Amino acid sequence: MLNPKFAALYPELSAGLWLSAWQATVRRAERVWREAGAEAVIFDRLLPDEHFDFRGGRPRDPDWHFIPERLSDPTLAELGNAER
């Protein structure tokens, strides 16, 4: 859910309404791609934690394997989990 105080930054999303992260990301990525190009989509997180509330999703059990999805994501070594 987009925090209403950041609504002006995300005109493609409705603030205060729950939407799946997948749907919100696709909408955001389409606008960023149109306005700033393909490279802009890979540099920063499209849905920053500071601007959104997240709930649900798949729980991360002890066997969860971290795979960085963005260039800005830390690697396993940076997280201190290189032995996993």
N, C-alpha and C. Protein backbone atom coordinates (compact mmCIF):
# COMPACT_ATOMS: atom_id res chain seq x y z
N MET A 1 0.86 -1.17 0.00
CA MET A 1 0.00 0.00 0.00
C MET A 1 0.90 1.23 0.00
N LEU A 2 0.60 2.15 -0.90
CA LEU A 2 1.34 3.40 -1.00
C LEU A 2 0.91 4.33 0.13
N ASN A 3 1.89 4.84 0.87
CA ASN A 3 1.61 5.81 1.93
C ASN A 3 1.09 7.09 1.27
N PRO A 4 -0.07 7.61 1.70
CA PRO A 4 -0.65 8.80 1.07
C PRO A 4 0.27 10.01 1.02
N LYS A 5 1.20 10.15 1.95
CA LYS A 5 2.07 11.33 1.91
C LYS A 5 3.08 11.28 0.77
N PHE A 6 3.21 10.12 0.10
CA PHE A 6 4.11 10.00 -1.05
C PHE A 6 3.34 9.84 -2.36
N ALA A 7 2.04 10.06 -2.34
CA ALA A 7 1.19 9.84 -3.51
C ALA A 7 1.63 10.63 -4.73
N ALA A 8 2.12 11.84 -4.55
CA ALA A 8 2.52 12.67 -5.69
C ALA A 8 3.68 12.06 -6.47
N LEU A 9 4.47 11.22 -5.83
CA LEU A 9 5.61 10.59 -6.50
C LEU A 9 5.21 9.41 -7.38
N TYR A 10 4.00 8.90 -7.18
CA TYR A 10 3.54 7.69 -7.86
C TYR A 10 2.14 7.89 -8.45
N PRO A 11 2.00 8.72 -9.48
CA PRO A 11 0.67 8.99 -10.04
C PRO A 11 -0.01 7.75 -10.65
N GLU A 12 0.78 6.73 -10.94
CA GLU A 12 0.21 5.51 -11.52
C GLU A 12 -0.42 4.60 -10.48
N LEU A 13 -0.26 4.93 -9.19
CA LEU A 13 -0.79 4.09 -8.11
C LEU A 13 -1.78 4.88 -7.25
N SER A 14 -2.74 4.20 -6.69
CA SER A 14 -3.71 4.82 -5.79
C SER A 14 -3.20 4.68 -4.36
N ALA A 15 -3.02 5.80 -3.69
CA ALA A 15 -2.52 5.78 -2.30
C ALA A 15 -3.59 5.26 -1.35
N GLY A 16 -3.15 4.54 -0.32
CA GLY A 16 -4.06 4.07 0.71
C GLY A 16 -4.85 2.82 0.36
N LEU A 17 -4.62 2.24 -0.81
CA LEU A 17 -5.33 1.03 -1.23
C LEU A 17 -4.33 -0.11 -1.39
N TRP A 18 -4.70 -1.30 -0.89
CA TRP A 18 -3.82 -2.45 -1.03
C TRP A 18 -3.81 -2.95 -2.46
N LEU A 19 -2.64 -3.24 -2.95
CA LEU A 19 -2.43 -3.76 -4.29
C LEU A 19 -1.28 -4.75 -4.18
N SER A 20 -1.29 -5.78 -4.98
CA SER A 20 -0.17 -6.73 -4.89
C SER A 20 1.12 -6.01 -5.29
N ALA A 21 2.22 -6.41 -4.65
CA ALA A 21 3.51 -5.80 -4.95
C ALA A 21 3.86 -6.00 -6.42
N TRP A 22 3.49 -7.14 -6.95
CA TRP A 22 3.76 -7.42 -8.37
C TRP A 22 3.06 -6.40 -9.25
N GLN A 23 1.76 -6.15 -9.00
CA GLN A 23 1.02 -5.19 -9.82
C GLN A 23 1.57 -3.78 -9.67
N ALA A 24 1.87 -3.37 -8.45
CA ALA A 24 2.41 -2.04 -8.22
C ALA A 24 3.77 -1.88 -8.90
N THR A 25 4.60 -2.91 -8.84
CA THR A 25 5.92 -2.85 -9.46
C THR A 25 5.82 -2.72 -10.97
N VAL A 26 4.93 -3.49 -11.58
CA VAL A 26 4.76 -3.42 -13.03
C VAL A 26 4.30 -2.03 -13.45
N ARG A 27 3.32 -1.48 -12.76
CA ARG A 27 2.84 -0.13 -13.08
C ARG A 27 3.95 0.90 -12.94
N ARG A 28 4.70 0.81 -11.85
CA ARG A 28 5.79 1.74 -11.59
C ARG A 28 6.89 1.58 -12.64
N ALA A 29 7.26 0.35 -12.95
CA ALA A 29 8.31 0.10 -13.93
C ALA A 29 7.94 0.63 -15.31
N GLU A 30 6.68 0.47 -15.70
CA GLU A 30 6.24 0.98 -17.00
C GLU A 30 6.41 2.49 -17.09
N ARG A 31 6.05 3.20 -16.02
CA ARG A 31 6.18 4.67 -16.05
C ARG A 31 7.64 5.09 -16.02
N VAL A 32 8.45 4.46 -15.16
CA VAL A 32 9.87 4.80 -15.08
C VAL A 32 10.54 4.53 -16.43
N TRP A 33 10.21 3.42 -17.05
CA TRP A 33 10.79 3.06 -18.35
C TRP A 33 10.44 4.12 -19.38
N ARG A 34 9.17 4.52 -19.44
CA ARG A 34 8.74 5.54 -20.40
C ARG A 34 9.45 6.88 -20.17
N GLU A 35 9.55 7.27 -18.91
CA GLU A 35 10.08 8.60 -18.59
C GLU A 35 11.60 8.68 -18.54
N ALA A 36 12.27 7.62 -18.10
CA ALA A 36 13.71 7.69 -17.89
C ALA A 36 14.52 6.62 -18.63
N GLY A 37 13.85 5.68 -19.28
CA GLY A 37 14.55 4.66 -20.03
C GLY A 37 14.73 3.37 -19.24
N ALA A 38 15.15 2.35 -19.96
CA ALA A 38 15.27 1.01 -19.39
C ALA A 38 16.27 0.94 -18.25
N GLU A 39 17.37 1.65 -18.35
CA GLU A 39 18.39 1.58 -17.30
C GLU A 39 17.88 2.08 -15.96
N ALA A 40 16.96 3.02 -15.97
CA ALA A 40 16.43 3.57 -14.72
C ALA A 40 15.68 2.51 -13.92
N VAL A 41 15.15 1.52 -14.58
CA VAL A 41 14.37 0.48 -13.90
C VAL A 41 15.26 -0.41 -13.05
N ILE A 42 16.54 -0.57 -13.40
CA ILE A 42 17.39 -1.51 -12.68
C ILE A 42 18.24 -0.88 -11.59
N PHE A 43 18.31 0.43 -11.50
CA PHE A 43 19.23 1.06 -10.55
C PHE A 43 18.69 1.19 -9.14
N ASP A 44 17.45 1.52 -8.96
CA ASP A 44 16.90 1.72 -7.63
C ASP A 44 15.70 0.81 -7.42
N ARG A 45 15.37 0.62 -6.17
CA ARG A 45 14.19 -0.16 -5.83
C ARG A 45 12.96 0.61 -6.29
N LEU A 46 12.07 -0.05 -6.99
CA LEU A 46 10.89 0.63 -7.54
C LEU A 46 9.85 0.95 -6.48
N LEU A 47 9.80 0.14 -5.42
CA LEU A 47 8.85 0.36 -4.33
C LEU A 47 9.62 0.47 -3.02
N PRO A 48 10.17 1.64 -2.70
CA PRO A 48 10.97 1.77 -1.48
C PRO A 48 10.16 1.51 -0.21
N ASP A 49 10.77 0.83 0.74
CA ASP A 49 10.11 0.52 2.01
C ASP A 49 9.60 1.77 2.71
N GLU A 50 10.29 2.89 2.55
CA GLU A 50 9.89 4.13 3.22
C GLU A 50 8.58 4.70 2.66
N HIS A 51 8.23 4.33 1.43
CA HIS A 51 7.04 4.88 0.78
C HIS A 51 5.85 3.92 0.79
N PHE A 52 6.10 2.64 1.09
CA PHE A 52 5.06 1.62 1.00
C PHE A 52 4.97 0.77 2.26
N ASP A 53 3.79 0.23 2.50
CA ASP A 53 3.57 -0.78 3.53
C ASP A 53 3.39 -2.11 2.81
N PHE A 54 4.02 -3.15 3.31
CA PHE A 54 3.92 -4.47 2.71
C PHE A 54 3.34 -5.45 3.72
N ARG A 55 2.56 -6.39 3.24
CA ARG A 55 2.01 -7.43 4.10
C ARG A 55 1.86 -8.70 3.28
N GLY A 56 1.70 -9.81 3.98
CA GLY A 56 1.49 -11.08 3.30
C GLY A 56 2.76 -11.58 2.64
N GLY A 57 2.60 -12.28 1.57
CA GLY A 57 3.74 -12.85 0.88
C GLY A 57 4.10 -14.20 1.44
N ARG A 58 5.12 -14.78 0.90
CA ARG A 58 5.58 -16.10 1.29
C ARG A 58 6.52 -15.99 2.48
N PRO A 59 6.29 -16.74 3.53
CA PRO A 59 7.22 -16.69 4.67
C PRO A 59 8.59 -17.24 4.29
N ARG A 60 9.61 -16.70 4.89
CA ARG A 60 10.97 -17.15 4.62
C ARG A 60 11.39 -18.14 5.68
N ASP A 61 11.34 -19.42 5.34
CA ASP A 61 11.72 -20.46 6.29
C ASP A 61 13.25 -20.55 6.36
N PRO A 62 13.77 -21.38 7.25
CA PRO A 62 15.23 -21.47 7.41
C PRO A 62 15.98 -21.89 6.15
N ASP A 63 15.30 -22.55 5.21
CA ASP A 63 15.95 -22.98 3.97
C ASP A 63 15.89 -21.92 2.87
N TRP A 64 15.33 -20.75 3.18
CA TRP A 64 15.20 -19.69 2.19
C TRP A 64 16.57 -19.32 1.66
N HIS A 65 16.69 -19.23 0.35
CA HIS A 65 17.96 -18.90 -0.30
C HIS A 65 17.85 -17.50 -0.88
N PHE A 66 18.76 -16.64 -0.49
CA PHE A 66 18.75 -15.24 -0.94
C PHE A 66 19.32 -15.14 -2.34
N ILE A 67 18.56 -14.54 -3.24
CA ILE A 67 19.03 -14.25 -4.59
C ILE A 67 18.82 -12.76 -4.82
N PRO A 68 19.90 -11.98 -4.97
CA PRO A 68 19.73 -10.54 -5.22
C PRO A 68 18.91 -10.31 -6.48
N GLU A 69 17.93 -9.42 -6.39
CA GLU A 69 17.06 -9.13 -7.52
C GLU A 69 17.34 -7.77 -8.14
N ARG A 70 18.05 -6.91 -7.40
CA ARG A 70 18.38 -5.58 -7.90
C ARG A 70 19.88 -5.37 -7.77
N LEU A 71 20.42 -4.48 -8.59
CA LEU A 71 21.84 -4.18 -8.48
C LEU A 71 22.19 -3.62 -7.11
N SER A 72 21.22 -2.98 -6.47
CA SER A 72 21.47 -2.37 -5.17
C SER A 72 21.33 -3.35 -4.01
N ASP A 73 20.84 -4.59 -4.26
CA ASP A 73 20.72 -5.59 -3.20
C ASP A 73 22.10 -6.03 -2.74
N PRO A 74 22.28 -6.25 -1.44
CA PRO A 74 23.58 -6.75 -0.95
C PRO A 74 23.77 -8.21 -1.38
N THR A 75 25.01 -8.58 -1.54
CA THR A 75 25.31 -9.97 -1.85
C THR A 75 25.32 -10.78 -0.56
N LEU A 76 25.40 -12.10 -0.67
CA LEU A 76 25.47 -12.95 0.53
C LEU A 76 26.69 -12.59 1.37
N ALA A 77 27.80 -12.32 0.73
CA ALA A 77 29.00 -11.96 1.47
C ALA A 77 28.80 -10.65 2.24
N GLU A 78 28.15 -9.69 1.62
CA GLU A 78 27.89 -8.42 2.29
C GLU A 78 26.93 -8.59 3.46
N LEU A 79 26.04 -9.56 3.36
CA LEU A 79 25.11 -9.84 4.44
C LEU A 79 25.75 -10.65 5.56
N GLY A 80 26.93 -11.19 5.29
CA GLY A 80 27.60 -12.01 6.30
C GLY A 80 27.14 -13.45 6.28
N ASN A 81 26.53 -13.88 5.19
CA ASN A 81 26.00 -15.26 5.08
C ASN A 81 26.74 -16.04 4.02
N ALA A 82 27.99 -15.74 3.79
CA ALA A 82 28.74 -16.38 2.71
C ALA A 82 28.83 -17.90 2.88
N GLU A 83 28.70 -18.38 4.12
CA GLU A 83 28.81 -19.82 4.35
C GLU A 83 27.57 -20.59 3.93
N ARG A 84 26.45 -19.93 3.66
CA ARG A 84 25.21 -20.63 3.29
C ARG A 84 25.28 -21.26 1.96
